[in-house]
PDB file of N, CA and C in Angstrom:
ATOM      1  N   MET A   1       3.536  -7.982  12.596  1.00  0.00           N
ATOM      2  CA  MET A   1       3.213  -6.571  12.492  1.00  0.00           C
ATOM      3  C   MET A   1       1.728  -6.450  12.137  1.00  0.00           C
ATOM      4  N   PRO A   2       0.984  -5.634  12.874  1.00  0.00           N
ATOM      5  CA  PRO A   2      -0.425  -5.432  12.539  1.00  0.00           C
ATOM      6  C   PRO A   2      -0.561  -4.685  11.208  1.00  0.00           C
ATOM      7  N   CYS A   3      -1.710  -4.805  10.606  1.00  0.00           N
ATOM      8  CA  CYS A   3      -1.966  -4.157   9.320  1.00  0.00           C
ATOM      9  C   CYS A   3      -2.073  -2.638   9.516  1.00  0.00           C
ATOM     10  N   PRO A   4      -1.190  -1.848   8.885  1.00  0.00           N
ATOM     11  CA  PRO A   4      -1.259  -0.397   9.021  1.00  0.00           C
ATOM     12  C   PRO A   4      -2.552   0.146   8.412  1.00  0.00           C
ATOM     13  N   ASP A   5      -3.125   1.142   9.042  1.00  0.00           N
ATOM     14  CA  ASP A   5      -4.343   1.778   8.552  1.00  0.00           C
ATOM     15  C   ASP A   5      -4.092   2.389   7.179  1.00  0.00           C
ATOM     16  N   ALA A   6      -5.104   2.402   6.346  1.00  0.00           N
ATOM     17  CA  ALA A   6      -4.974   2.944   4.992  1.00  0.00           C
ATOM     18  C   ALA A   6      -4.649   4.430   4.995  1.00  0.00           C
ATOM     19  N   ALA A   7      -4.966   5.144   6.069  1.00  0.00           N
ATOM     20  CA  ALA A   7      -4.673   6.580   6.160  1.00  0.00           C
ATOM     21  C   ALA A   7      -3.250   6.852   6.645  1.00  0.00           C
ATOM     22  N   ASN A   8      -2.568   5.826   7.108  1.00  0.00           N
ATOM     23  CA  ASN A   8      -1.219   5.945   7.647  1.00  0.00           C
ATOM     24  C   ASN A   8      -0.203   6.033   6.507  1.00  0.00           C
ATOM     25  N   ASP A   9       0.862   6.801   6.701  1.00  0.00           N
ATOM     26  CA  ASP A   9       1.922   6.882   5.682  1.00  0.00           C
ATOM     27  C   ASP A   9       2.587   5.541   5.432  1.00  0.00           C
ATOM     28  N   ALA A  10       2.494   4.624   6.393  1.00  0.00           N
ATOM     29  CA  ALA A  10       3.114   3.302   6.252  1.00  0.00           C
ATOM     30  C   ALA A  10       2.154   2.288   5.629  1.00  0.00           C
ATOM     31  N   ARG A  11       1.070   2.748   5.011  1.00  0.00           N
ATOM     32  CA  ARG A  11       0.050   1.838   4.466  1.00  0.00           C
ATOM     33  C   ARG A  11       0.599   0.857   3.445  1.00  0.00           C
ATOM     34  N   ASP A  12       1.649   1.238   2.726  1.00  0.00           N
ATOM     35  CA  ASP A  12       2.205   0.356   1.700  1.00  0.00           C
ATOM     36  C   ASP A  12       3.016  -0.797   2.288  1.00  0.00           C
ATOM     37  N   LEU A  13       3.215  -0.813   3.607  1.00  0.00           N
ATOM     38  CA  LEU A  13       3.896  -1.935   4.272  1.00  0.00           C
ATOM     39  C   LEU A  13       2.934  -3.029   4.689  1.00  0.00           C
ATOM     40  N   ALA A  14       1.649  -2.845   4.411  1.00  0.00           N
ATOM     41  CA  ALA A  14       0.640  -3.837   4.767  1.00  0.00           C
ATOM     42  C   ALA A  14       0.870  -5.129   3.997  1.00  0.00           C
ATOM     43  N   ALA A  15       0.416  -6.225   4.576  1.00  0.00           N
ATOM     44  CA  ALA A  15       0.564  -7.533   3.937  1.00  0.00           C
ATOM     45  C   ALA A  15      -0.317  -7.630   2.690  1.00  0.00           C
ATOM     46  N   VAL A  16       0.203  -8.303   1.691  1.00  0.00           N
ATOM     47  CA  VAL A  16      -0.550  -8.542   0.454  1.00  0.00           C
ATOM     48  C   VAL A  16      -1.518  -9.693   0.701  1.00  0.00           C
ATOM     49  N   VAL A  17      -2.798  -9.469   0.395  1.00  0.00           N
ATOM     50  CA  VAL A  17      -3.792 -10.536   0.540  1.00  0.00           C
ATOM     51  C   VAL A  17      -4.191 -11.124  -0.803  1.00  0.00           C
ATOM     52  N   SER A  18      -3.954 -10.390  -1.880  1.00  0.00           N
ATOM     53  CA  SER A  18      -4.251 -10.884  -3.223  1.00  0.00           C
ATOM     54  C   SER A  18      -3.305 -10.204  -4.202  1.00  0.00           C
ATOM     55  N   SER A  19      -2.509 -11.004  -4.887  1.00  0.00           N
ATOM     56  CA  SER A  19      -1.510 -10.468  -5.808  1.00  0.00           C
ATOM     57  C   SER A  19      -1.888 -10.813  -7.246  1.00  0.00           C
ATOM     58  N   HIS A  20      -1.812  -9.825  -8.119  1.00  0.00           N
ATOM     59  CA  HIS A  20      -2.118 -10.012  -9.539  1.00  0.00           C
ATOM     60  C   HIS A  20      -1.019  -9.372 -10.381  1.00  0.00           C
ATOM     61  N   PRO A  21       0.193  -9.943 -10.352  1.00  0.00           N
ATOM     62  CA  PRO A  21       1.316  -9.340 -11.080  1.00  0.00           C
ATOM     63  C   PRO A  21       1.078  -9.282 -12.591  1.00  0.00           C
ATOM     64  N   GLU A  22       0.285 -10.206 -13.105  1.00  0.00           N
ATOM     65  CA  GLU A  22      -0.001 -10.199 -14.540  1.00  0.00           C
ATOM     66  C   GLU A  22      -0.845  -8.986 -14.930  1.00  0.00           C
ATOM     67  N   GLN A  23      -1.561  -8.407 -13.948  1.00  0.00           N
ATOM     68  CA  GLN A  23      -2.371  -7.218 -14.193  1.00  0.00           C
ATOM     69  C   GLN A  23      -1.735  -5.968 -13.594  1.00  0.00           C
ATOM     70  N   GLY A  24      -0.678  -6.135 -12.803  1.00  0.00           N
ATOM     71  CA  GLY A  24       0.062  -5.004 -12.280  1.00  0.00           C
ATOM     72  C   GLY A  24      -0.469  -4.399 -10.996  1.00  0.00           C
ATOM     73  N   TRP A  25      -1.155  -5.197 -10.160  1.00  0.00           N
ATOM     74  CA  TRP A  25      -1.660  -4.650  -8.899  1.00  0.00           C
ATOM     75  C   TRP A  25      -1.743  -5.721  -7.829  1.00  0.00           C
ATOM     76  N   SER A  26      -1.798  -5.253  -6.571  1.00  0.00           N
ATOM     77  CA  SER A  26      -1.961  -6.132  -5.409  1.00  0.00           C
ATOM     78  C   SER A  26      -2.935  -5.477  -4.438  1.00  0.00           C
ATOM     79  N   LEU A  27      -3.727  -6.300  -3.759  1.00  0.00           N
ATOM     80  CA  LEU A  27      -4.628  -5.827  -2.722  1.00  0.00           C
ATOM     81  C   LEU A  27      -3.959  -6.071  -1.382  1.00  0.00           C
ATOM     82  N   LEU A  28      -3.877  -5.025  -0.558  1.00  0.00           N
ATOM     83  CA  LEU A  28      -3.249  -5.118   0.753  1.00  0.00           C
ATOM     84  C   LEU A  28      -4.304  -5.365   1.831  1.00  0.00           C
ATOM     85  N   CYS A  29      -3.875  -5.827   3.005  1.00  0.00           N
ATOM     86  CA  CYS A  29      -4.800  -6.160   4.093  1.00  0.00           C
ATOM     87  C   CYS A  29      -5.591  -4.957   4.596  1.00  0.00           C
ATOM     88  N   ASN A  30      -5.150  -3.746   4.298  1.00  0.00           N
ATOM     89  CA  ASN A  30      -5.854  -2.545   4.734  1.00  0.00           C
ATOM     90  C   ASN A  30      -6.819  -2.012   3.671  1.00  0.00           C
ATOM     91  N   GLY A  31      -7.008  -2.769   2.596  1.00  0.00           N
ATOM     92  CA  GLY A  31      -7.942  -2.378   1.545  1.00  0.00           C
ATOM     93  C   GLY A  31      -7.348  -1.513   0.459  1.00  0.00           C
ATOM     94  N   VAL A  32      -6.066  -1.206   0.546  1.00  0.00           N
ATOM     95  CA  VAL A  32      -5.385  -0.393  -0.463  1.00  0.00           C
ATOM     96  C   VAL A  32      -5.032  -1.283  -1.656  1.00  0.00           C
ATOM     97  N   VAL A  33      -5.285  -0.764  -2.860  1.00  0.00           N
ATOM     98  CA  VAL A  33      -4.822  -1.428  -4.077  1.00  0.00           C
ATOM     99  C   VAL A  33      -3.535  -0.731  -4.476  1.00  0.00           C
ATOM    100  N   LEU A  34      -2.454  -1.496  -4.513  1.00  0.00           N
ATOM    101  CA  LEU A  34      -1.123  -0.972  -4.828  1.00  0.00           C
ATOM    102  C   LEU A  34      -0.771  -1.388  -6.253  1.00  0.00           C
ATOM    103  N   PHE A  35      -0.497  -0.397  -7.102  1.00  0.00           N
ATOM    104  CA  PHE A  35      -0.189  -0.655  -8.498  1.00  0.00           C
ATOM    105  C   PHE A  35       1.317  -0.688  -8.722  1.00  0.00           C
ATOM    106  N   ASP A  36       1.737  -1.471  -9.705  1.00  0.00           N
ATOM    107  CA  ASP A  36       3.159  -1.610 -10.017  1.00  0.00           C
ATOM    108  C   ASP A  36       3.807  -0.297 -10.443  1.00  0.00           C
ATOM    109  N   ASP A  37       3.027   0.650 -10.949  1.00  0.00           N
ATOM    110  CA  ASP A  37       3.588   1.936 -11.375  1.00  0.00           C
ATOM    111  C   ASP A  37       3.741   2.912 -10.217  1.00  0.00           C
ATOM    112  N   ASP A  38       3.567   2.406  -8.981  1.00  0.00           N
ATOM    113  CA  ASP A  38       3.752   3.185  -7.759  1.00  0.00           C
ATOM    114  C   ASP A  38       2.520   3.987  -7.362  1.00  0.00           C
ATOM    115  N   GLY A  39       1.411   3.821  -8.038  1.00  0.00           N
ATOM    116  CA  GLY A  39       0.180   4.492  -7.651  1.00  0.00           C
ATOM    117  C   GLY A  39      -0.597   3.637  -6.665  1.00  0.00           C
ATOM    118  N   GLU A  40      -1.573   4.257  -6.005  1.00  0.00           N
ATOM    119  CA  GLU A  40      -2.393   3.546  -5.030  1.00  0.00           C
ATOM    120  C   GLU A  40      -3.843   3.991  -5.164  1.00  0.00           C
ATOM    121  N   LEU A  41      -4.748   3.077  -4.875  1.00  0.00           N
ATOM    122  CA  LEU A  41      -6.163   3.378  -4.770  1.00  0.00           C
ATOM    123  C   LEU A  41      -6.553   3.056  -3.334  1.00  0.00           C
ATOM    124  N   LEU A  42      -6.995   4.075  -2.598  1.00  0.00           N
ATOM    125  CA  LEU A  42      -7.346   3.901  -1.195  1.00  0.00           C
ATOM    126  C   LEU A  42      -8.788   3.396  -1.075  1.00  0.00           C
ATOM    127  N   PRO A  43      -9.132   2.777   0.060  1.00  0.00           N
ATOM    128  CA  PRO A  43     -10.475   2.226   0.235  1.00  0.00           C
ATOM    129  C   PRO A  43     -11.601   3.239   0.059  1.00  0.00           C
ATOM    130  N   ASP A  44     -11.331   4.523   0.311  1.00  0.00           N
ATOM    131  CA  ASP A  44     -12.373   5.542   0.157  1.00  0.00           C
ATOM    132  C   ASP A  44     -12.499   6.044  -1.279  1.00  0.00           C
ATOM    133  N   GLY A  45     -11.721   5.446  -2.195  1.00  0.00           N
ATOM    134  CA  GLY A  45     -11.761   5.831  -3.604  1.00  0.00           C
ATOM    135  C   GLY A  45     -10.741   6.881  -3.990  1.00  0.00           C
ATOM    136  N   SER A  46      -9.998   7.403  -3.022  1.00  0.00           N
ATOM    137  CA  SER A  46      -8.956   8.393  -3.311  1.00  0.00           C
ATOM    138  C   SER A  46      -7.815   7.745  -4.079  1.00  0.00           C
ATOM    139  N   VAL A  47      -7.216   8.527  -4.956  1.00  0.00           N
ATOM    140  CA  VAL A  47      -6.086   8.060  -5.753  1.00  0.00           C
ATOM    141  C   VAL A  47      -4.820   8.737  -5.256  1.00  0.00           C
ATOM    142  N   VAL A  48      -3.763   7.964  -5.067  1.00  0.00           N
ATOM    143  CA  VAL A  48      -2.442   8.492  -4.732  1.00  0.00           C
ATOM    144  C   VAL A  48      -1.551   8.180  -5.921  1.00  0.00           C
ATOM    145  N   ARG A  49      -1.164   9.221  -6.631  1.00  0.00           N
ATOM    146  CA  ARG A  49      -0.300   9.039  -7.807  1.00  0.00           C
ATOM    147  C   ARG A  49       1.156   9.134  -7.383  1.00  0.00           C
ATOM    148  N   HIS A  50       1.952   8.302  -7.955  1.00  0.00           N
ATOM    149  CA  HIS A  50       3.392   8.333  -7.698  1.00  0.00           C
ATOM    150  C   HIS A  50       3.686   8.582  -6.229  1.00  0.00           C
ATOM    151  N   HIS A  51       3.601   7.549  -5.517  1.00  0.00           N
ATOM    152  CA  HIS A  51       3.703   7.501  -4.060  1.00  0.00           C
ATOM    153  C   HIS A  51       4.877   8.293  -3.515  1.00  0.00           C
ATOM    154  N   HIS A  52       4.760   8.670  -2.260  1.00  0.00           N
ATOM    155  CA  HIS A  52       5.839   9.354  -1.540  1.00  0.00           C
ATOM    156  C   HIS A  52       7.027   8.408  -1.350  1.00  0.00           C
ATOM    157  N   THR A  53       8.001   8.806  -0.605  1.00  0.00           N
ATOM    158  CA  THR A  53       9.179   7.986  -0.329  1.00  0.00           C
ATOM    159  C   THR A  53       8.760   6.644   0.266  1.00  0.00           C
ATOM    160  N   TRP A  54       9.296   5.571  -0.278  1.00  0.00           N
ATOM    161  CA  TRP A  54       8.984   4.239   0.235  1.00  0.00           C
ATOM    162  C   TRP A  54       9.560   4.082   1.635  1.00  0.00           C
ATOM    163  N   LEU A  55       8.782   3.529   2.521  1.00  0.00           N
ATOM    164  CA  LEU A  55       9.214   3.290   3.895  1.00  0.00           C
ATOM    165  C   LEU A  55       9.615   1.835   4.066  1.00  0.00           C
ATOM    166  N   THR A  56      10.511   1.605   5.012  1.00  0.00           N
ATOM    167  CA  THR A  56      10.874   0.247   5.387  1.00  0.00           C
ATOM    168  C   THR A  56      10.445   0.040   6.824  1.00  0.00           C
ATOM    169  N   PRO A  57      10.215  -1.204   7.255  1.00  0.00           N
ATOM    170  CA  PRO A  57       9.800  -1.422   8.642  1.00  0.00           C
ATOM    171  C   PRO A  57      10.752  -0.800   9.661  1.00  0.00           C
ATOM    172  N   GLU A  58      12.036  -0.751   9.350  1.00  0.00           N
ATOM    173  CA  GLU A  58      13.009  -0.179  10.272  1.00  0.00           C
ATOM    174  C   GLU A  58      12.751   1.316  10.489  1.00  0.00           C
ATOM    175  N   LEU A  59      12.369   2.047   9.449  1.00  0.00           N
ATOM    176  CA  LEU A  59      12.119   3.475   9.571  1.00  0.00           C
ATOM    177  C   LEU A  59      10.793   3.771  10.262  1.00  0.00           C
ATOM    178  N   VAL A  60       9.819   2.904  10.103  1.00  0.00           N
ATOM    179  CA  VAL A  60       8.503   3.110  10.706  1.00  0.00           C
ATOM    180  C   VAL A  60       8.575   2.940  12.216  1.00  0.00           C
ATOM    181  N   SER A  61       9.387   2.021  12.703  1.00  0.00           N
ATOM    182  CA  SER A  61       9.427   1.705  14.116  1.00  0.00           C
ATOM    183  C   SER A  61      10.217   2.721  14.951  1.00  0.00           C
ATOM    184  N   ARG A  62      10.861   3.659  14.322  1.00  0.00           N
ATOM    185  CA  ARG A  62      11.656   4.650  15.056  1.00  0.00           C
ATOM    186  C   ARG A  62      10.796   5.668  15.737  1.00  0.00           C
TER     187      ARG A  62
END
């Protein structure tokens, strides 16, 4: 699966390129920082608090 664009609703399905569970965050291949508390930091500096409904690959491909 190609890396979803950071502006796409499926951005949280991107592959993890750097994981830091001890600090509570992961960097995704699209530049999004995904936090364990469900928040996100987008590459443009925008903050997404308490993410929308989690998507699964099956729902994205429909």
